[in-house]
């Protein structure tokens, strides 16, 4: 879920176990998500050298992502690709 991704912090990643902790889920219960090998590599690159309390996914300007941020570009991509019905971020 997009909202869960935008709230993840470096401390939520455990490369040893290959998991990410989702602390604040839609259900209100924390859960661990198992990463693929590619996911481990990606998260290792995204978090290397960053403080534990830093949010992992930030905008280009360094600010946290906003809830509706991917909506417009995704709709534009669907329009360009004639994708009906348009896909969305969940």
N, C-alpha and C. Protein backbone atom coordinates (compact mmCIF):
# COMPACT_ATOMS: atom_id res chain seq x y z
N UNK A 1 0.84 -1.19 0.00
CA UNK A 1 0.00 0.00 0.00
C UNK A 1 0.88 1.25 0.00
N UNK A 2 0.46 2.20 -0.80
CA UNK A 2 1.24 3.43 -0.97
C UNK A 2 1.46 4.14 0.37
N UNK A 3 0.41 4.28 1.17
CA UNK A 3 0.53 4.98 2.45
C UNK A 3 1.51 4.29 3.39
N UNK A 4 1.51 2.97 3.37
CA UNK A 4 2.45 2.23 4.21
C UNK A 4 3.89 2.45 3.73
N UNK A 5 4.09 2.47 2.42
CA UNK A 5 5.43 2.72 1.88
C UNK A 5 5.93 4.10 2.27
N UNK A 6 5.07 5.10 2.20
CA UNK A 6 5.51 6.47 2.45
C UNK A 6 5.79 6.74 3.93
N UNK A 7 5.37 5.85 4.81
CA UNK A 7 5.64 6.01 6.24
C UNK A 7 6.83 5.17 6.73
N UNK A 8 7.35 4.28 5.88
CA UNK A 8 8.43 3.40 6.30
C UNK A 8 9.71 4.17 6.59
N UNK A 9 10.36 3.76 7.66
CA UNK A 9 11.64 4.37 8.05
C UNK A 9 12.75 3.33 7.94
N UNK A 10 13.97 3.82 7.91
CA UNK A 10 15.13 2.94 7.78
C UNK A 10 15.09 1.86 8.86
N UNK A 11 14.70 2.19 10.06
CA UNK A 11 14.68 1.22 11.16
C UNK A 11 13.71 0.07 10.92
N UNK A 12 12.77 0.24 9.99
CA UNK A 12 11.79 -0.80 9.70
C UNK A 12 12.35 -1.90 8.81
N UNK A 13 13.52 -1.69 8.25
CA UNK A 13 14.15 -2.66 7.36
C UNK A 13 15.07 -3.58 8.14
N UNK A 14 14.97 -4.87 7.89
CA UNK A 14 15.88 -5.85 8.48
C UNK A 14 16.46 -6.68 7.34
N UNK A 15 17.62 -6.28 6.85
CA UNK A 15 18.24 -7.00 5.74
C UNK A 15 18.68 -8.40 6.12
N UNK A 16 19.01 -8.62 7.41
CA UNK A 16 19.42 -9.96 7.84
C UNK A 16 18.31 -10.97 7.65
N UNK A 17 17.08 -10.58 7.99
CA UNK A 17 15.95 -11.49 7.83
C UNK A 17 15.24 -11.28 6.49
N UNK A 18 15.61 -10.22 5.78
CA UNK A 18 14.99 -9.93 4.50
C UNK A 18 13.54 -9.49 4.62
N UNK A 19 13.25 -8.69 5.66
CA UNK A 19 11.88 -8.25 5.89
C UNK A 19 11.81 -6.75 6.13
N UNK A 20 10.61 -6.23 5.92
CA UNK A 20 10.30 -4.85 6.25
C UNK A 20 9.13 -4.90 7.23
N UNK A 21 9.22 -4.13 8.30
CA UNK A 21 8.16 -4.05 9.28
C UNK A 21 7.21 -2.93 8.89
N UNK A 22 5.95 -3.26 8.73
CA UNK A 22 4.91 -2.27 8.49
C UNK A 22 4.29 -2.01 9.86
N UNK A 23 4.64 -0.89 10.47
CA UNK A 23 4.18 -0.58 11.83
C UNK A 23 2.74 -0.10 11.86
N UNK A 24 2.38 0.71 10.88
CA UNK A 24 1.07 1.35 10.88
C UNK A 24 0.30 0.88 9.64
N UNK A 25 -0.38 -0.25 9.78
CA UNK A 25 -1.09 -0.83 8.64
C UNK A 25 -2.56 -0.41 8.65
N UNK A 26 -3.23 -0.71 7.55
CA UNK A 26 -4.65 -0.40 7.43
C UNK A 26 -5.47 -1.09 8.51
N UNK A 27 -5.07 -2.32 8.86
CA UNK A 27 -5.80 -3.08 9.87
C UNK A 27 -5.48 -2.62 11.29
N UNK A 28 -4.42 -1.80 11.43
CA UNK A 28 -4.01 -1.35 12.75
C UNK A 28 -3.04 -2.31 13.43
N UNK A 29 -2.72 -3.42 12.76
CA UNK A 29 -1.78 -4.40 13.31
C UNK A 29 -0.48 -4.36 12.51
N UNK A 30 0.62 -4.38 13.23
CA UNK A 30 1.92 -4.41 12.56
C UNK A 30 2.10 -5.77 11.89
N UNK A 31 2.88 -5.77 10.78
CA UNK A 31 3.17 -7.02 10.10
C UNK A 31 4.53 -6.91 9.42
N UNK A 32 5.13 -8.07 9.14
CA UNK A 32 6.39 -8.13 8.42
C UNK A 32 6.12 -8.57 6.99
N UNK A 33 6.79 -7.93 6.05
CA UNK A 33 6.70 -8.28 4.64
C UNK A 33 8.06 -8.84 4.23
N UNK A 34 8.04 -10.03 3.63
CA UNK A 34 9.27 -10.66 3.17
C UNK A 34 9.66 -10.08 1.82
N UNK A 35 10.92 -9.69 1.71
CA UNK A 35 11.43 -9.10 0.47
C UNK A 35 12.01 -10.16 -0.46
N UNK A 36 11.91 -9.92 -1.75
CA UNK A 36 12.61 -10.75 -2.72
C UNK A 36 14.07 -10.35 -2.71
N UNK A 37 14.89 -11.08 -3.42
CA UNK A 37 16.30 -10.71 -3.54
C UNK A 37 16.45 -9.32 -4.12
N UNK A 38 15.65 -9.02 -5.16
CA UNK A 38 15.70 -7.69 -5.76
C UNK A 38 15.26 -6.62 -4.77
N UNK A 39 14.27 -6.95 -3.94
CA UNK A 39 13.80 -6.01 -2.94
C UNK A 39 14.87 -5.71 -1.91
N UNK A 40 15.60 -6.74 -1.51
CA UNK A 40 16.70 -6.54 -0.55
C UNK A 40 17.74 -5.60 -1.12
N UNK A 41 18.10 -5.81 -2.39
CA UNK A 41 19.11 -4.96 -3.04
C UNK A 41 18.60 -3.52 -3.10
N UNK A 42 17.36 -3.34 -3.51
CA UNK A 42 16.78 -2.00 -3.61
C UNK A 42 16.78 -1.29 -2.26
N UNK A 43 16.26 -1.96 -1.23
CA UNK A 43 16.19 -1.32 0.09
C UNK A 43 17.57 -1.07 0.67
N UNK A 44 18.53 -1.95 0.39
CA UNK A 44 19.89 -1.73 0.85
C UNK A 44 20.44 -0.44 0.24
N UNK A 45 20.21 -0.24 -1.06
CA UNK A 45 20.68 0.98 -1.73
C UNK A 45 19.96 2.22 -1.20
N UNK A 46 18.66 2.10 -0.98
CA UNK A 46 17.88 3.25 -0.53
C UNK A 46 18.21 3.70 0.88
N UNK A 47 18.68 2.78 1.71
CA UNK A 47 18.89 3.10 3.12
C UNK A 47 20.34 3.21 3.54
N UNK A 48 21.27 2.85 2.70
CA UNK A 48 22.70 2.84 3.06
C UNK A 48 23.15 4.21 3.55
N UNK A 49 23.68 4.23 4.77
CA UNK A 49 24.24 5.45 5.33
C UNK A 49 23.23 6.43 5.89
N UNK A 50 21.95 6.07 5.89
CA UNK A 50 20.92 6.99 6.39
C UNK A 50 20.59 6.70 7.85
N UNK A 51 20.21 7.71 8.62
CA UNK A 51 19.85 7.49 10.02
C UNK A 51 18.60 6.62 10.15
N UNK A 52 18.51 5.92 11.25
CA UNK A 52 17.42 4.97 11.49
C UNK A 52 16.04 5.61 11.47
N UNK A 53 15.94 6.88 11.85
CA UNK A 53 14.62 7.51 11.92
C UNK A 53 14.21 8.21 10.62
N UNK A 54 15.03 8.09 9.57
CA UNK A 54 14.71 8.75 8.31
C UNK A 54 13.66 7.95 7.52
N UNK A 55 12.72 8.65 6.93
CA UNK A 55 11.75 8.04 6.04
C UNK A 55 12.49 7.57 4.80
N UNK A 56 12.17 6.38 4.32
CA UNK A 56 12.89 5.80 3.18
C UNK A 56 12.54 6.47 1.86
N UNK A 57 11.26 6.62 1.59
CA UNK A 57 10.83 7.17 0.31
C UNK A 57 10.48 8.65 0.47
N UNK A 58 11.35 9.49 -0.08
CA UNK A 58 11.16 10.94 -0.02
C UNK A 58 11.01 11.49 -1.43
N UNK A 59 10.41 12.65 -1.52
CA UNK A 59 10.30 13.33 -2.81
C UNK A 59 11.67 13.83 -3.23
N UNK A 60 11.79 14.28 -4.46
CA UNK A 60 13.07 14.79 -4.96
C UNK A 60 13.58 15.97 -4.14
N UNK A 61 12.66 16.73 -3.53
CA UNK A 61 13.07 17.88 -2.73
C UNK A 61 13.40 17.52 -1.29
N UNK A 62 13.31 16.21 -0.95
CA UNK A 62 13.65 15.73 0.39
C UNK A 62 12.49 15.71 1.36
N UNK A 63 11.34 16.22 0.96
CA UNK A 63 10.15 16.20 1.81
C UNK A 63 9.45 14.84 1.73
N UNK A 64 8.66 14.49 2.75
CA UNK A 64 7.89 13.25 2.69
C UNK A 64 6.88 13.28 1.54
N UNK A 65 6.57 12.11 1.02
CA UNK A 65 5.58 11.99 -0.05
C UNK A 65 4.20 12.31 0.50
N UNK A 66 3.37 12.89 -0.36
CA UNK A 66 2.01 13.22 0.01
C UNK A 66 1.08 12.07 -0.40
N UNK A 67 -0.04 11.92 0.29
CA UNK A 67 -0.93 10.78 0.00
C UNK A 67 -1.37 10.66 -1.45
N UNK A 68 -1.66 11.75 -2.13
CA UNK A 68 -2.18 11.67 -3.49
C UNK A 68 -1.10 11.91 -4.55
N UNK A 69 0.14 11.95 -4.16
CA UNK A 69 1.22 12.32 -5.08
C UNK A 69 1.26 11.46 -6.36
N UNK A 70 1.09 10.15 -6.31
CA UNK A 70 1.22 9.38 -7.56
C UNK A 70 -0.03 9.38 -8.43
N UNK A 71 -1.12 9.94 -7.96
CA UNK A 71 -2.39 9.84 -8.67
C UNK A 71 -2.36 10.49 -10.05
N UNK A 72 -1.93 11.73 -10.14
CA UNK A 72 -1.94 12.44 -11.42
C UNK A 72 -0.99 11.81 -12.44
N UNK A 73 0.29 11.55 -12.09
CA UNK A 73 1.17 10.95 -13.11
C UNK A 73 0.67 9.58 -13.58
N UNK A 74 0.11 8.79 -12.68
CA UNK A 74 -0.39 7.47 -13.07
C UNK A 74 -1.58 7.59 -14.01
N UNK A 75 -2.48 8.53 -13.73
CA UNK A 75 -3.63 8.75 -14.62
C UNK A 75 -3.15 9.22 -15.99
N UNK A 76 -2.17 10.12 -16.01
CA UNK A 76 -1.64 10.60 -17.29
C UNK A 76 -1.01 9.46 -18.08
N UNK A 77 -0.29 8.58 -17.39
CA UNK A 77 0.31 7.43 -18.07
C UNK A 77 -0.77 6.50 -18.63
N UNK A 78 -1.83 6.29 -17.88
CA UNK A 78 -2.93 5.45 -18.36
C UNK A 78 -3.60 6.08 -19.57
N UNK A 79 -3.79 7.39 -19.53
CA UNK A 79 -4.38 8.09 -20.67
C UNK A 79 -3.51 7.94 -21.91
N UNK A 80 -2.20 8.13 -21.75
CA UNK A 80 -1.28 8.01 -22.89
C UNK A 80 -1.26 6.59 -23.44
N UNK A 81 -1.37 5.61 -22.55
CA UNK A 81 -1.31 4.21 -22.97
C UNK A 81 -2.67 3.62 -23.31
N UNK A 82 -3.72 4.45 -23.26
CA UNK A 82 -5.08 3.97 -23.53
C UNK A 82 -5.46 2.78 -22.66
N UNK A 83 -5.09 2.87 -21.40
CA UNK A 83 -5.41 1.81 -20.43
C UNK A 83 -6.76 2.10 -19.81
N UNK A 84 -7.71 1.21 -20.06
CA UNK A 84 -9.07 1.36 -19.52
C UNK A 84 -9.48 0.04 -18.88
N UNK A 85 -10.01 0.06 -17.71
CA UNK A 85 -10.06 1.21 -16.81
C UNK A 85 -8.64 1.53 -16.33
N UNK A 86 -8.43 2.80 -15.94
CA UNK A 86 -7.09 3.18 -15.49
C UNK A 86 -6.73 2.45 -14.21
N UNK A 87 -5.45 2.14 -14.06
CA UNK A 87 -4.99 1.48 -12.83
C UNK A 87 -4.78 2.53 -11.75
N UNK A 88 -4.70 2.09 -10.51
CA UNK A 88 -4.47 3.03 -9.42
C UNK A 88 -3.48 2.44 -8.43
N UNK A 89 -3.02 3.28 -7.54
CA UNK A 89 -2.10 2.85 -6.49
C UNK A 89 -2.93 2.42 -5.29
N UNK A 90 -2.63 1.25 -4.78
CA UNK A 90 -3.36 0.77 -3.59
C UNK A 90 -2.36 0.47 -2.52
